């Protein structure tokens, strides 16, 4: 997992250096963080649902 993140980080840094304008840079940053935010949201939703289950009481 750590090796994969290093490979992806290098790709993003190279793309940011060679970006034609600031809009492209903003899109890269949003696109790289959006999957992480989505997965954290799903994990929180699953935690919240399991915490508030009525049949476990």
N, C-alpha and C. Protein backbone atom coordinates (compact mmCIF):
# COMPACT_ATOMS: atom_id res chain seq x y z
N UNK A 1 0.83 -1.20 0.00
CA UNK A 1 0.00 0.00 0.00
C UNK A 1 0.87 1.25 0.00
N UNK A 2 1.89 1.26 0.80
CA UNK A 2 2.75 2.42 0.88
C UNK A 2 3.49 2.65 -0.43
N UNK A 3 3.94 1.57 -1.08
CA UNK A 3 4.64 1.68 -2.36
C UNK A 3 3.73 2.27 -3.42
N UNK A 4 2.47 1.84 -3.44
CA UNK A 4 1.50 2.35 -4.42
C UNK A 4 1.26 3.83 -4.21
N UNK A 5 1.14 4.26 -2.97
CA UNK A 5 0.91 5.68 -2.71
C UNK A 5 2.11 6.52 -3.12
N UNK A 6 3.32 5.96 -2.97
CA UNK A 6 4.51 6.70 -3.42
C UNK A 6 4.52 6.86 -4.93
N UNK A 7 4.11 5.83 -5.65
CA UNK A 7 4.07 5.92 -7.11
C UNK A 7 3.04 6.96 -7.53
N UNK A 8 1.88 6.94 -6.90
CA UNK A 8 0.84 7.91 -7.25
C UNK A 8 1.26 9.33 -6.89
N UNK A 9 1.95 9.51 -5.78
CA UNK A 9 2.38 10.83 -5.37
C UNK A 9 3.36 11.42 -6.37
N UNK A 10 4.28 10.63 -6.86
CA UNK A 10 5.24 11.11 -7.85
C UNK A 10 4.51 11.55 -9.11
N UNK A 11 3.52 10.79 -9.55
CA UNK A 11 2.75 11.15 -10.73
C UNK A 11 2.03 12.47 -10.56
N UNK A 12 1.47 12.70 -9.40
CA UNK A 12 0.74 13.94 -9.15
C UNK A 12 1.70 15.12 -9.10
N UNK A 13 2.85 14.92 -8.45
CA UNK A 13 3.84 16.01 -8.39
C UNK A 13 4.34 16.38 -9.78
N UNK A 14 4.58 15.40 -10.62
CA UNK A 14 5.02 15.68 -11.99
C UNK A 14 3.94 16.43 -12.76
N UNK A 15 2.71 16.01 -12.59
CA UNK A 15 1.61 16.67 -13.30
C UNK A 15 1.43 18.09 -12.81
N UNK A 16 1.60 18.34 -11.50
CA UNK A 16 1.48 19.69 -10.98
C UNK A 16 2.59 20.60 -11.51
N UNK A 17 3.79 20.05 -11.65
CA UNK A 17 4.89 20.86 -12.19
C UNK A 17 4.64 21.25 -13.64
N UNK A 18 4.06 20.35 -14.41
CA UNK A 18 3.85 20.58 -15.84
C UNK A 18 2.45 21.08 -16.17
N UNK A 19 1.71 21.54 -15.17
CA UNK A 19 0.33 21.99 -15.39
C UNK A 19 0.31 23.26 -16.23
N UNK A 20 -0.60 23.33 -17.20
CA UNK A 20 -0.67 24.52 -18.05
C UNK A 20 -1.24 25.75 -17.34
N UNK A 21 -2.15 25.55 -16.40
CA UNK A 21 -2.71 26.70 -15.69
C UNK A 21 -3.19 26.27 -14.31
N UNK A 22 -3.67 27.24 -13.52
CA UNK A 22 -4.06 26.95 -12.13
C UNK A 22 -5.35 26.14 -12.06
N UNK A 23 -6.22 26.23 -13.05
CA UNK A 23 -7.44 25.43 -13.06
C UNK A 23 -7.14 23.95 -13.16
N UNK A 24 -6.14 23.62 -13.94
CA UNK A 24 -5.72 22.22 -14.07
C UNK A 24 -5.14 21.72 -12.76
N UNK A 25 -4.36 22.56 -12.09
CA UNK A 25 -3.80 22.18 -10.80
C UNK A 25 -4.89 21.93 -9.77
N UNK A 26 -5.88 22.78 -9.74
CA UNK A 26 -7.00 22.62 -8.81
C UNK A 26 -7.75 21.33 -9.10
N UNK A 27 -7.96 21.03 -10.36
CA UNK A 27 -8.63 19.78 -10.73
C UNK A 27 -7.84 18.56 -10.31
N UNK A 28 -6.52 18.60 -10.43
CA UNK A 28 -5.68 17.49 -9.99
C UNK A 28 -5.77 17.28 -8.49
N UNK A 29 -5.75 18.36 -7.75
CA UNK A 29 -5.80 18.25 -6.29
C UNK A 29 -7.15 17.71 -5.85
N UNK A 30 -8.23 18.22 -6.41
CA UNK A 30 -9.56 17.72 -6.07
C UNK A 30 -9.71 16.27 -6.48
N UNK A 31 -9.25 15.92 -7.65
CA UNK A 31 -9.36 14.55 -8.14
C UNK A 31 -8.53 13.55 -7.35
N UNK A 32 -7.46 14.01 -6.74
CA UNK A 32 -6.65 13.09 -5.95
C UNK A 32 -7.22 12.90 -4.55
N UNK A 33 -7.90 13.89 -4.00
CA UNK A 33 -8.45 13.77 -2.66
C UNK A 33 -9.89 13.25 -2.64
N UNK A 34 -10.61 13.38 -3.72
CA UNK A 34 -12.01 12.98 -3.75
C UNK A 34 -12.23 11.50 -3.46
N UNK A 35 -11.48 10.58 -4.04
CA UNK A 35 -11.69 9.16 -3.68
C UNK A 35 -11.43 8.88 -2.21
N UNK A 36 -10.43 9.52 -1.61
CA UNK A 36 -10.14 9.33 -0.20
C UNK A 36 -11.30 9.84 0.65
N UNK A 37 -11.82 11.01 0.33
CA UNK A 37 -12.94 11.58 1.09
C UNK A 37 -14.17 10.69 0.94
N UNK A 38 -14.40 10.17 -0.24
CA UNK A 38 -15.53 9.28 -0.48
C UNK A 38 -15.43 8.01 0.37
N UNK A 39 -14.25 7.40 0.41
CA UNK A 39 -14.05 6.19 1.20
C UNK A 39 -14.18 6.46 2.70
N UNK A 40 -13.70 7.59 3.16
CA UNK A 40 -13.86 7.96 4.57
C UNK A 40 -15.33 8.15 4.89
N UNK A 41 -16.07 8.76 4.00
CA UNK A 41 -17.51 8.94 4.20
C UNK A 41 -18.25 7.62 4.29
N UNK A 42 -17.91 6.69 3.43
CA UNK A 42 -18.54 5.36 3.48
C UNK A 42 -18.18 4.65 4.77
N UNK A 43 -16.93 4.74 5.22
CA UNK A 43 -16.51 4.10 6.46
C UNK A 43 -17.25 4.69 7.65
N UNK A 44 -17.41 6.01 7.67
CA UNK A 44 -18.15 6.64 8.77
C UNK A 44 -19.61 6.23 8.75
N UNK A 45 -20.20 6.17 7.57
CA UNK A 45 -21.59 5.75 7.47
C UNK A 45 -21.77 4.33 7.98
N UNK A 46 -20.86 3.43 7.62
CA UNK A 46 -20.94 2.05 8.09
C UNK A 46 -20.77 1.98 9.61
N UNK A 47 -19.85 2.75 10.16
CA UNK A 47 -19.65 2.80 11.61
C UNK A 47 -20.90 3.32 12.30
N UNK A 48 -21.46 4.39 11.79
CA UNK A 48 -22.65 4.99 12.40
C UNK A 48 -23.82 4.02 12.36
N UNK A 49 -24.02 3.33 11.24
CA UNK A 49 -25.13 2.36 11.12
C UNK A 49 -24.94 1.20 12.09
N UNK A 50 -23.71 0.69 12.21
CA UNK A 50 -23.50 -0.45 13.10
C UNK A 50 -23.58 -0.05 14.56
N UNK A 51 -23.22 1.18 14.87
CA UNK A 51 -23.27 1.67 16.24
C UNK A 51 -24.72 1.83 16.71
N UNK A 52 -25.59 2.22 15.81
CA UNK A 52 -26.98 2.50 16.18
C UNK A 52 -27.94 1.37 15.84
N UNK A 53 -27.44 0.15 15.71
CA UNK A 53 -28.33 -0.98 15.43
C UNK A 53 -29.19 -1.28 16.65
N UNK A 54 -30.46 -1.49 16.42
CA UNK A 54 -31.41 -1.76 17.51
C UNK A 54 -31.43 -3.22 17.90
N UNK A 55 -31.07 -4.12 16.99
CA UNK A 55 -31.18 -5.55 17.30
C UNK A 55 -30.03 -6.08 18.15
N UNK A 56 -29.02 -5.27 18.42
CA UNK A 56 -27.90 -5.72 19.25
C UNK A 56 -28.09 -5.37 20.73
N UNK A 57 -29.11 -4.61 21.04
CA UNK A 57 -29.34 -4.21 22.45
C UNK A 57 -29.82 -5.32 23.31
